[in-house]
Structure formats: structure tokens, C-alpha cells
Amino acid sequence: DRVLARAETWQHDIARPIAASPAG
């Protein structure tokens, strides 16, 4: 659960916004 919480924090703050940015 601790790993998943850390992963969710990083994905929410960093990974998902970057993946949602326009390409090009």
C-alpha cells in the first residue's frame, strides 16, 4: 500500500500531466 500510495502521488503530480500534454 505504501508503494502504491507513492506511485499514485508521482503519477498524479507528474506522470499523468505530462502524458496529457499535446504532442509535437
mmCIF file of all heavy atoms, coordinates in Angstrom:
data_MODEL
# 
_entry.id   MODEL 
# 
loop_
_atom_site.group_PDB 
_atom_site.id 
_atom_site.type_symbol 
_atom_site.label_atom_id 
_atom_site.label_alt_id 
_atom_site.label_comp_id 
_atom_site.label_asym_id 
_atom_site.label_entity_id 
_atom_site.label_seq_id 
_atom_site.pdbx_PDB_ins_code 
_atom_site.Cartn_x 
_atom_site.Cartn_y 
_atom_site.Cartn_z 
_atom_site.occupancy 
_atom_site.B_iso_or_equiv 
_atom_site.pdbx_formal_charge 
_atom_site.auth_seq_id 
_atom_site.auth_comp_id 
_atom_site.auth_asym_id 
_atom_site.auth_atom_id 
_atom_site.pdbx_PDB_model_num 
ATOM 1   N N   . ASP A 1 1  ? 0.829  -1.213 0.000   1.00 0.00 ? 1  ASP A N   1 
ATOM 2   C CA  . ASP A 1 1  ? 0.000  0.000  0.000   1.00 0.00 ? 1  ASP A CA  1 
ATOM 3   C C   . ASP A 1 1  ? 0.861  1.260  0.000   1.00 0.00 ? 1  ASP A C   1 
ATOM 4   O O   . ASP A 1 1  ? 0.526  2.269  -0.659  1.00 0.00 ? 1  ASP A O   1 
ATOM 5   C CB  . ASP A 1 1  ? -0.914 -0.008 1.222   1.00 0.00 ? 1  ASP A CB  1 
ATOM 6   C CG  . ASP A 1 1  ? -1.974 -1.100 1.130   1.00 0.00 ? 1  ASP A CG  1 
ATOM 7   O OD1 . ASP A 1 1  ? -2.253 -1.567 -0.003  1.00 0.00 ? 1  ASP A OD1 1 
ATOM 8   O OD2 . ASP A 1 1  ? -2.511 -1.515 2.186   1.00 0.00 ? 1  ASP A OD2 1 
ATOM 9   N N   . ARG A 1 2  ? 1.986  1.214  0.720   1.00 0.00 ? 2  ARG A N   1 
ATOM 10  C CA  . ARG A 1 2  ? 2.881  2.371  0.757   1.00 0.00 ? 2  ARG A CA  1 
ATOM 11  C C   . ARG A 1 2  ? 3.461  2.626  -0.626  1.00 0.00 ? 2  ARG A C   1 
ATOM 12  O O   . ARG A 1 2  ? 3.566  3.787  -1.079  1.00 0.00 ? 2  ARG A O   1 
ATOM 13  C CB  . ARG A 1 2  ? 3.992  2.130  1.773   1.00 0.00 ? 2  ARG A CB  1 
ATOM 14  C CG  . ARG A 1 2  ? 4.898  3.351  1.971   1.00 0.00 ? 2  ARG A CG  1 
ATOM 15  C CD  . ARG A 1 2  ? 6.004  3.095  2.989   1.00 0.00 ? 2  ARG A CD  1 
ATOM 16  N NE  . ARG A 1 2  ? 5.467  2.762  4.302   1.00 0.00 ? 2  ARG A NE  1 
ATOM 17  C CZ  . ARG A 1 2  ? 5.568  1.592  4.865   1.00 0.00 ? 2  ARG A CZ  1 
ATOM 18  N NH1 . ARG A 1 2  ? 6.187  0.594  4.224   1.00 0.00 ? 2  ARG A NH1 1 
ATOM 19  N NH2 . ARG A 1 2  ? 5.058  1.365  6.058   1.00 0.00 ? 2  ARG A NH2 1 
ATOM 20  N N   . VAL A 1 3  ? 3.862  1.567  -1.318  1.00 0.00 ? 3  VAL A N   1 
ATOM 21  C CA  . VAL A 1 3  ? 4.406  1.729  -2.666  1.00 0.00 ? 3  VAL A CA  1 
ATOM 22  C C   . VAL A 1 3  ? 3.337  2.295  -3.586  1.00 0.00 ? 3  VAL A C   1 
ATOM 23  O O   . VAL A 1 3  ? 3.603  3.209  -4.385  1.00 0.00 ? 3  VAL A O   1 
ATOM 24  C CB  . VAL A 1 3  ? 4.914  0.369  -3.172  1.00 0.00 ? 3  VAL A CB  1 
ATOM 25  C CG1 . VAL A 1 3  ? 5.237  0.452  -4.668  1.00 0.00 ? 3  VAL A CG1 1 
ATOM 26  C CG2 . VAL A 1 3  ? 6.154  -0.056 -2.398  1.00 0.00 ? 3  VAL A CG2 1 
ATOM 27  N N   . LEU A 1 4  ? 2.126  1.732  -3.503  1.00 0.00 ? 4  LEU A N   1 
ATOM 28  C CA  . LEU A 1 4  ? 1.055  2.214  -4.384  1.00 0.00 ? 4  LEU A CA  1 
ATOM 29  C C   . LEU A 1 4  ? 0.695  3.668  -4.084  1.00 0.00 ? 4  LEU A C   1 
ATOM 30  O O   . LEU A 1 4  ? 0.371  4.444  -5.005  1.00 0.00 ? 4  LEU A O   1 
ATOM 31  C CB  . LEU A 1 4  ? -0.174 1.307  -4.236  1.00 0.00 ? 4  LEU A CB  1 
ATOM 32  C CG  . LEU A 1 4  ? 0.005  -0.144 -4.723  1.00 0.00 ? 4  LEU A CG  1 
ATOM 33  C CD1 . LEU A 1 4  ? -1.263 -0.942 -4.469  1.00 0.00 ? 4  LEU A CD1 1 
ATOM 34  C CD2 . LEU A 1 4  ? 0.362  -0.149 -6.208  1.00 0.00 ? 4  LEU A CD2 1 
ATOM 35  N N   . ALA A 1 5  ? 0.766  4.058  -2.810  1.00 0.00 ? 5  ALA A N   1 
ATOM 36  C CA  . ALA A 1 5  ? 0.481  5.467  -2.461  1.00 0.00 ? 5  ALA A CA  1 
ATOM 37  C C   . ALA A 1 5  ? 1.537  6.383  -3.058  1.00 0.00 ? 5  ALA A C   1 
ATOM 38  O O   . ALA A 1 5  ? 1.220  7.457  -3.617  1.00 0.00 ? 5  ALA A O   1 
ATOM 39  C CB  . ALA A 1 5  ? 0.426  5.612  -0.943  1.00 0.00 ? 5  ALA A CB  1 
ATOM 40  N N   . ARG A 1 6  ? 2.823  5.990  -2.926  1.00 0.00 ? 6  ARG A N   1 
ATOM 41  C CA  . ARG A 1 6  ? 3.901  6.805  -3.516  1.00 0.00 ? 6  ARG A CA  1 
ATOM 42  C C   . ARG A 1 6  ? 3.743  6.855  -5.030  1.00 0.00 ? 6  ARG A C   1 
ATOM 43  O O   . ARG A 1 6  ? 3.941  7.915  -5.650  1.00 0.00 ? 6  ARG A O   1 
ATOM 44  C CB  . ARG A 1 6  ? 5.254  6.192  -3.171  1.00 0.00 ? 6  ARG A CB  1 
ATOM 45  C CG  . ARG A 1 6  ? 5.562  6.154  -1.678  1.00 0.00 ? 6  ARG A CG  1 
ATOM 46  C CD  . ARG A 1 6  ? 5.797  7.540  -1.117  1.00 0.00 ? 6  ARG A CD  1 
ATOM 47  N NE  . ARG A 1 6  ? 6.200  7.469  0.296   1.00 0.00 ? 6  ARG A NE  1 
ATOM 48  C CZ  . ARG A 1 6  ? 6.430  8.536  1.043   1.00 0.00 ? 6  ARG A CZ  1 
ATOM 49  N NH1 . ARG A 1 6  ? 6.262  9.748  0.514   1.00 0.00 ? 6  ARG A NH1 1 
ATOM 50  N NH2 . ARG A 1 6  ? 6.804  8.420  2.309   1.00 0.00 ? 6  ARG A NH2 1 
ATOM 51  N N   . ALA A 1 7  ? 3.390  5.695  -5.625  1.00 0.00 ? 7  ALA A N   1 
ATOM 52  C CA  . ALA A 1 7  ? 3.230  5.684  -7.073  1.00 0.00 ? 7  ALA A CA  1 
ATOM 53  C C   . ALA A 1 7  ? 2.060  6.553  -7.508  1.00 0.00 ? 7  ALA A C   1 
ATOM 54  O O   . ALA A 1 7  ? 2.151  7.275  -8.514  1.00 0.00 ? 7  ALA A O   1 
ATOM 55  C CB  . ALA A 1 7  ? 3.009  4.233  -7.549  1.00 0.00 ? 7  ALA A CB  1 
ATOM 56  N N   . GLU A 1 8  ? 0.964  6.518  -6.762  1.00 0.00 ? 8  GLU A N   1 
ATOM 57  C CA  . GLU A 1 8  ? -0.188 7.333  -7.113  1.00 0.00 ? 8  GLU A CA  1 
ATOM 58  C C   . GLU A 1 8  ? 0.162  8.821  -7.013  1.00 0.00 ? 8  GLU A C   1 
ATOM 59  O O   . GLU A 1 8  ? -0.253 9.625  -7.864  1.00 0.00 ? 8  GLU A O   1 
ATOM 60  C CB  . GLU A 1 8  ? -1.354 6.984  -6.190  1.00 0.00 ? 8  GLU A CB  1 
ATOM 61  C CG  . GLU A 1 8  ? -2.610 7.832  -6.394  1.00 0.00 ? 8  GLU A CG  1 
ATOM 62  C CD  . GLU A 1 8  ? -3.201 7.685  -7.784  1.00 0.00 ? 8  GLU A CD  1 
ATOM 63  O OE1 . GLU A 1 8  ? -2.944 6.619  -8.439  1.00 0.00 ? 8  GLU A OE1 1 
ATOM 64  O OE2 . GLU A 1 8  ? -3.894 8.592  -8.254  1.00 0.00 ? 8  GLU A OE2 1 
ATOM 65  N N   . THR A 1 9  ? 0.923  9.201  -5.981  1.00 0.00 ? 9  THR A N   1 
ATOM 66  C CA  . THR A 1 9  ? 1.333  10.606 -5.835  1.00 0.00 ? 9  THR A CA  1 
ATOM 67  C C   . THR A 1 9  ? 2.148  11.054 -7.025  1.00 0.00 ? 9  THR A C   1 
ATOM 68  O O   . THR A 1 9  ? 1.934  12.149 -7.610  1.00 0.00 ? 9  THR A O   1 
ATOM 69  C CB  . THR A 1 9  ? 2.130  10.784 -4.539  1.00 0.00 ? 9  THR A CB  1 
ATOM 70  O OG1 . THR A 1 9  ? 1.305  10.404 -3.429  1.00 0.00 ? 9  THR A OG1 1 
ATOM 71  C CG2 . THR A 1 9  ? 2.583  12.229 -4.360  1.00 0.00 ? 9  THR A CG2 1 
ATOM 72  N N   . TRP A 1 10 ? 3.151  10.286 -7.396  1.00 0.00 ? 10 TRP A N   1 
ATOM 73  C CA  . TRP A 1 10 ? 4.012  10.643 -8.533  1.00 0.00 ? 10 TRP A CA  1 
ATOM 74  C C   . TRP A 1 10 ? 3.210  10.663 -9.819  1.00 0.00 ? 10 TRP A C   1 
ATOM 75  O O   . TRP A 1 10 ? 3.385  11.589 -10.634 1.00 0.00 ? 10 TRP A O   1 
ATOM 76  C CB  . TRP A 1 10 ? 5.144  9.614  -8.628  1.00 0.00 ? 10 TRP A CB  1 
ATOM 77  C CG  . TRP A 1 10 ? 5.993  9.812  -9.864  1.00 0.00 ? 10 TRP A CG  1 
ATOM 78  C CD1 . TRP A 1 10 ? 6.933  10.761 -10.077 1.00 0.00 ? 10 TRP A CD1 1 
ATOM 79  C CD2 . TRP A 1 10 ? 5.893  9.043  -11.075 1.00 0.00 ? 10 TRP A CD2 1 
ATOM 80  N NE1 . TRP A 1 10 ? 7.472  10.646 -11.324 1.00 0.00 ? 10 TRP A NE1 1 
ATOM 81  C CE2 . TRP A 1 10 ? 6.835  9.566  -11.967 1.00 0.00 ? 10 TRP A CE2 1 
ATOM 82  C CE3 . TRP A 1 10 ? 5.107  7.953  -11.467 1.00 0.00 ? 10 TRP A CE3 1 
ATOM 83  C CZ2 . TRP A 1 10 ? 7.020  9.045  -13.239 1.00 0.00 ? 10 TRP A CZ2 1 
ATOM 84  C CZ3 . TRP A 1 10 ? 5.314  7.449  -12.735 1.00 0.00 ? 10 TRP A CZ3 1 
ATOM 85  C CH2 . TRP A 1 10 ? 6.249  7.974  -13.612 1.00 0.00 ? 10 TRP A CH2 1 
ATOM 86  N N   . GLN A 1 11 ? 2.333  9.664  -10.021 1.00 0.00 ? 11 GLN A N   1 
ATOM 87  C CA  . GLN A 1 11 ? 1.534  9.645  -11.251 1.00 0.00 ? 11 GLN A CA  1 
ATOM 88  C C   . GLN A 1 11 ? 0.568  10.825 -11.307 1.00 0.00 ? 11 GLN A C   1 
ATOM 89  O O   . GLN A 1 11 ? 0.363  11.415 -12.379 1.00 0.00 ? 11 GLN A O   1 
ATOM 90  C CB  . GLN A 1 11 ? 0.760  8.315  -11.349 1.00 0.00 ? 11 GLN A CB  1 
ATOM 91  C CG  . GLN A 1 11 ? 1.639  7.107  -11.617 1.00 0.00 ? 11 GLN A CG  1 
ATOM 92  C CD  . GLN A 1 11 ? 0.865  5.822  -11.551 1.00 0.00 ? 11 GLN A CD  1 
ATOM 93  O OE1 . GLN A 1 11 ? -0.285 5.813  -11.101 1.00 0.00 ? 11 GLN A OE1 1 
ATOM 94  N NE2 . GLN A 1 11 ? 1.500  4.708  -11.989 1.00 0.00 ? 11 GLN A NE2 1 
ATOM 95  N N   . HIS A 1 12 ? -0.012 11.187 -10.163 1.00 0.00 ? 12 HIS A N   1 
ATOM 96  C CA  . HIS A 1 12 ? -0.969 12.297 -10.157 1.00 0.00 ? 12 HIS A CA  1 
ATOM 97  C C   . HIS A 1 12 ? -0.281 13.639 -10.406 1.00 0.00 ? 12 HIS A C   1 
ATOM 98  O O   . HIS A 1 12 ? -0.796 14.493 -11.141 1.00 0.00 ? 12 HIS A O   1 
ATOM 99  C CB  . HIS A 1 12 ? -1.710 12.331 -8.815  1.00 0.00 ? 12 HIS A CB  1 
ATOM 100 C CG  . HIS A 1 12 ? -2.693 13.464 -8.695  1.00 0.00 ? 12 HIS A CG  1 
ATOM 101 N ND1 . HIS A 1 12 ? -2.346 14.701 -8.188  1.00 0.00 ? 12 HIS A ND1 1 
ATOM 102 C CD2 . HIS A 1 12 ? -4.022 13.551 -9.048  1.00 0.00 ? 12 HIS A CD2 1 
ATOM 103 C CE1 . HIS A 1 12 ? -3.378 15.498 -8.219  1.00 0.00 ? 12 HIS A CE1 1 
ATOM 104 N NE2 . HIS A 1 12 ? -4.438 14.811 -8.731  1.00 0.00 ? 12 HIS A NE2 1 
ATOM 105 N N   . ASP A 1 13 ? 0.863  13.806 -9.785  1.00 0.00 ? 13 ASP A N   1 
ATOM 106 C CA  . ASP A 1 13 ? 1.523  15.114 -9.879  1.00 0.00 ? 13 ASP A CA  1 
ATOM 107 C C   . ASP A 1 13 ? 2.342  15.244 -11.144 1.00 0.00 ? 13 ASP A C   1 
ATOM 108 O O   . ASP A 1 13 ? 2.447  16.350 -11.713 1.00 0.00 ? 13 ASP A O   1 
ATOM 109 C CB  . ASP A 1 13 ? 2.428  15.335 -8.658  1.00 0.00 ? 13 ASP A CB  1 
ATOM 110 C CG  . ASP A 1 13 ? 1.622  15.451 -7.360  1.00 0.00 ? 13 ASP A CG  1 
ATOM 111 O OD1 . ASP A 1 13 ? 0.408  15.730 -7.455  1.00 0.00 ? 13 ASP A OD1 1 
ATOM 112 O OD2 . ASP A 1 13 ? 2.203  15.212 -6.266  1.00 0.00 ? 13 ASP A OD2 1 
ATOM 113 N N   . ILE A 1 14 ? 2.931  14.156 -11.632 1.00 0.00 ? 14 ILE A N   1 
ATOM 114 C CA  . ILE A 1 14 ? 3.923  14.291 -12.691 1.00 0.00 ? 14 ILE A CA  1 
ATOM 115 C C   . ILE A 1 14 ? 3.494  13.521 -13.943 1.00 0.00 ? 14 ILE A C   1 
ATOM 116 O O   . ILE A 1 14 ? 3.412  14.086 -15.029 1.00 0.00 ? 14 ILE A O   1 
ATOM 117 C CB  . ILE A 1 14 ? 5.299  13.782 -12.195 1.00 0.00 ? 14 ILE A CB  1 
ATOM 118 C CG1 . ILE A 1 14 ? 5.719  14.518 -10.922 1.00 0.00 ? 14 ILE A CG1 1 
ATOM 119 C CG2 . ILE A 1 14 ? 6.342  13.940 -13.297 1.00 0.00 ? 14 ILE A CG2 1 
ATOM 120 C CD1 . ILE A 1 14 ? 5.850  16.038 -11.081 1.00 0.00 ? 14 ILE A CD1 1 
ATOM 121 N N   . ALA A 1 15 ? 3.294  12.183 -13.793 1.00 0.00 ? 15 ALA A N   1 
ATOM 122 C CA  . ALA A 1 15 ? 3.180  11.326 -14.968 1.00 0.00 ? 15 ALA A CA  1 
ATOM 123 C C   . ALA A 1 15 ? 1.938  11.640 -15.797 1.00 0.00 ? 15 ALA A C   1 
ATOM 124 O O   . ALA A 1 15 ? 2.026  11.769 -17.022 1.00 0.00 ? 15 ALA A O   1 
ATOM 125 C CB  . ALA A 1 15 ? 3.157  9.856  -14.538 1.00 0.00 ? 15 ALA A CB  1 
ATOM 126 N N   . ARG A 1 16 ? 0.793  11.741 -15.159 1.00 0.00 ? 16 ARG A N   1 
ATOM 127 C CA  . ARG A 1 16 ? -0.429 11.946 -15.937 1.00 0.00 ? 16 ARG A CA  1 
ATOM 128 C C   . ARG A 1 16 ? -0.439 13.339 -16.626 1.00 0.00 ? 16 ARG A C   1 
ATOM 129 O O   . ARG A 1 16 ? -0.866 13.418 -17.797 1.00 0.00 ? 16 ARG A O   1 
ATOM 130 C CB  . ARG A 1 16 ? -1.651 11.787 -15.053 1.00 0.00 ? 16 ARG A CB  1 
ATOM 131 C CG  . ARG A 1 16 ? -1.856 10.359 -14.552 1.00 0.00 ? 16 ARG A CG  1 
ATOM 132 C CD  . ARG A 1 16 ? -3.249 10.186 -13.953 1.00 0.00 ? 16 ARG A CD  1 
ATOM 133 N NE  . ARG A 1 16 ? -3.380 8.885  -13.290 1.00 0.00 ? 16 ARG A NE  1 
ATOM 134 C CZ  . ARG A 1 16 ? -3.248 8.696  -11.980 1.00 0.00 ? 16 ARG A CZ  1 
ATOM 135 N NH1 . ARG A 1 16 ? -3.030 9.748  -11.184 1.00 0.00 ? 16 ARG A NH1 1 
ATOM 136 N NH2 . ARG A 1 16 ? -3.348 7.493  -11.473 1.00 0.00 ? 16 ARG A NH2 1 
ATOM 137 N N   . PRO A 1 17 ? -0.020 14.436 -15.916 1.00 0.00 ? 17 PRO A N   1 
ATOM 138 C CA  . PRO A 1 17 ? 0.009  15.714 -16.624 1.00 0.00 ? 17 PRO A CA  1 
ATOM 139 C C   . PRO A 1 17 ? 0.927  15.691 -17.833 1.00 0.00 ? 17 PRO A C   1 
ATOM 140 O O   . PRO A 1 17 ? 0.604  16.252 -18.878 1.00 0.00 ? 17 PRO A O   1 
ATOM 141 C CB  . PRO A 1 17 ? 0.491  16.696 -15.555 1.00 0.00 ? 17 PRO A CB  1 
ATOM 142 C CG  . PRO A 1 17 ? 0.057  16.094 -14.272 1.00 0.00 ? 17 PRO A CG  1 
ATOM 143 C CD  . PRO A 1 17 ? 0.226  14.645 -14.465 1.00 0.00 ? 17 PRO A CD  1 
ATOM 144 N N   . ILE A 1 18 ? 2.080  15.067 -17.733 1.00 0.00 ? 18 ILE A N   1 
ATOM 145 C CA  . ILE A 1 18 ? 2.994  15.023 -18.874 1.00 0.00 ? 18 ILE A CA  1 
ATOM 146 C C   . ILE A 1 18 ? 2.357  14.231 -20.009 1.00 0.00 ? 18 ILE A C   1 
ATOM 147 O O   . ILE A 1 18 ? 2.411  14.637 -21.177 1.00 0.00 ? 18 ILE A O   1 
ATOM 148 C CB  . ILE A 1 18 ? 4.339  14.419 -18.449 1.00 0.00 ? 18 ILE A CB  1 
ATOM 149 C CG1 . ILE A 1 18 ? 5.063  15.350 -17.487 1.00 0.00 ? 18 ILE A CG1 1 
ATOM 150 C CG2 . ILE A 1 18 ? 5.217  14.117 -19.671 1.00 0.00 ? 18 ILE A CG2 1 
ATOM 151 C CD1 . ILE A 1 18 ? 6.353  14.794 -16.930 1.00 0.00 ? 18 ILE A CD1 1 
ATOM 152 N N   . ALA A 1 19 ? 1.750  13.045 -19.674 1.00 0.00 ? 19 ALA A N   1 
ATOM 153 C CA  . ALA A 1 19 ? 1.156  12.217 -20.720 1.00 0.00 ? 19 ALA A CA  1 
ATOM 154 C C   . ALA A 1 19 ? -0.028 12.903 -21.370 1.00 0.00 ? 19 ALA A C   1 
ATOM 155 O O   . ALA A 1 19 ? -0.329 12.646 -22.545 1.00 0.00 ? 19 ALA A O   1 
ATOM 156 C CB  . ALA A 1 19 ? 0.715  10.867 -20.136 1.00 0.00 ? 19 ALA A CB  1 
ATOM 157 N N   . ALA A 1 20 ? -0.682 13.818 -20.636 1.00 0.00 ? 20 ALA A N   1 
ATOM 158 C CA  . ALA A 1 20 ? -1.845 14.510 -21.196 1.00 0.00 ? 20 ALA A CA  1 
ATOM 159 C C   . ALA A 1 20 ? -1.451 15.728 -22.033 1.00 0.00 ? 20 ALA A C   1 
ATOM 160 O O   . ALA A 1 20 ? -2.316 16.333 -22.672 1.00 0.00 ? 20 ALA A O   1 
ATOM 161 C CB  . ALA A 1 20 ? -2.770 14.931 -20.063 1.00 0.00 ? 20 ALA A CB  1 
ATOM 162 N N   . SER A 1 21 ? -0.177 16.142 -22.044 1.00 0.00 ? 21 SER A N   1 
ATOM 163 C CA  . SER A 1 21 ? 0.264  17.319 -22.804 1.00 0.00 ? 21 SER A CA  1 
ATOM 164 C C   . SER A 1 21 ? 0.202  17.009 -24.283 1.00 0.00 ? 21 SER A C   1 
ATOM 165 O O   . SER A 1 21 ? 0.382  15.853 -24.701 1.00 0.00 ? 21 SER A O   1 
ATOM 166 C CB  . SER A 1 21 ? 1.692  17.688 -22.401 1.00 0.00 ? 21 SER A CB  1 
ATOM 167 O OG  . SER A 1 21 ? 1.721  18.051 -21.023 1.00 0.00 ? 21 SER A OG  1 
ATOM 168 N N   . PRO A 1 22 ? -0.042 18.107 -25.097 1.00 0.00 ? 22 PRO A N   1 
ATOM 169 C CA  . PRO A 1 22 ? -0.127 17.866 -26.544 1.00 0.00 ? 22 PRO A CA  1 
ATOM 170 C C   . PRO A 1 22 ? 1.224  17.426 -27.099 1.00 0.00 ? 22 PRO A C   1 
ATOM 171 O O   . PRO A 1 22 ? 2.279  17.821 -26.610 1.00 0.00 ? 22 PRO A O   1 
ATOM 172 C CB  . PRO A 1 22 ? -0.568 19.223 -27.085 1.00 0.00 ? 22 PRO A CB  1 
ATOM 173 C CG  . PRO A 1 22 ? -0.216 20.220 -26.039 1.00 0.00 ? 22 PRO A CG  1 
ATOM 174 C CD  . PRO A 1 22 ? -0.274 19.525 -24.743 1.00 0.00 ? 22 PRO A CD  1 
ATOM 175 N N   . ALA A 1 23 ? 1.150  16.590 -28.143 1.00 0.00 ? 23 ALA A N   1 
ATOM 176 C CA  . ALA A 1 23 ? 2.356  16.055 -28.773 1.00 0.00 ? 23 ALA A CA  1 
ATOM 177 C C   . ALA A 1 23 ? 2.929  17.075 -29.743 1.00 0.00 ? 23 ALA A C   1 
ATOM 178 O O   . ALA A 1 23 ? 2.284  18.029 -30.148 1.00 0.00 ? 23 ALA A O   1 
ATOM 179 C CB  . ALA A 1 23 ? 2.016  14.757 -29.493 1.00 0.00 ? 23 ALA A CB  1 
ATOM 180 N N   . GLY A 1 24 ? 4.164  16.866 -30.137 1.00 0.00 ? 24 GLY A N   1 
ATOM 181 C CA  . GLY A 1 24 ? 4.798  17.700 -31.156 1.00 0.00 ? 24 GLY A CA  1 
ATOM 182 C C   . GLY A 1 24 ? 5.790  18.685 -30.595 1.00 0.00 ? 24 GLY A C   1 
ATOM 183 O O   . GLY A 1 24 ? 6.612  19.227 -31.343 1.00 0.00 ? 24 GLY A O   1 
# 
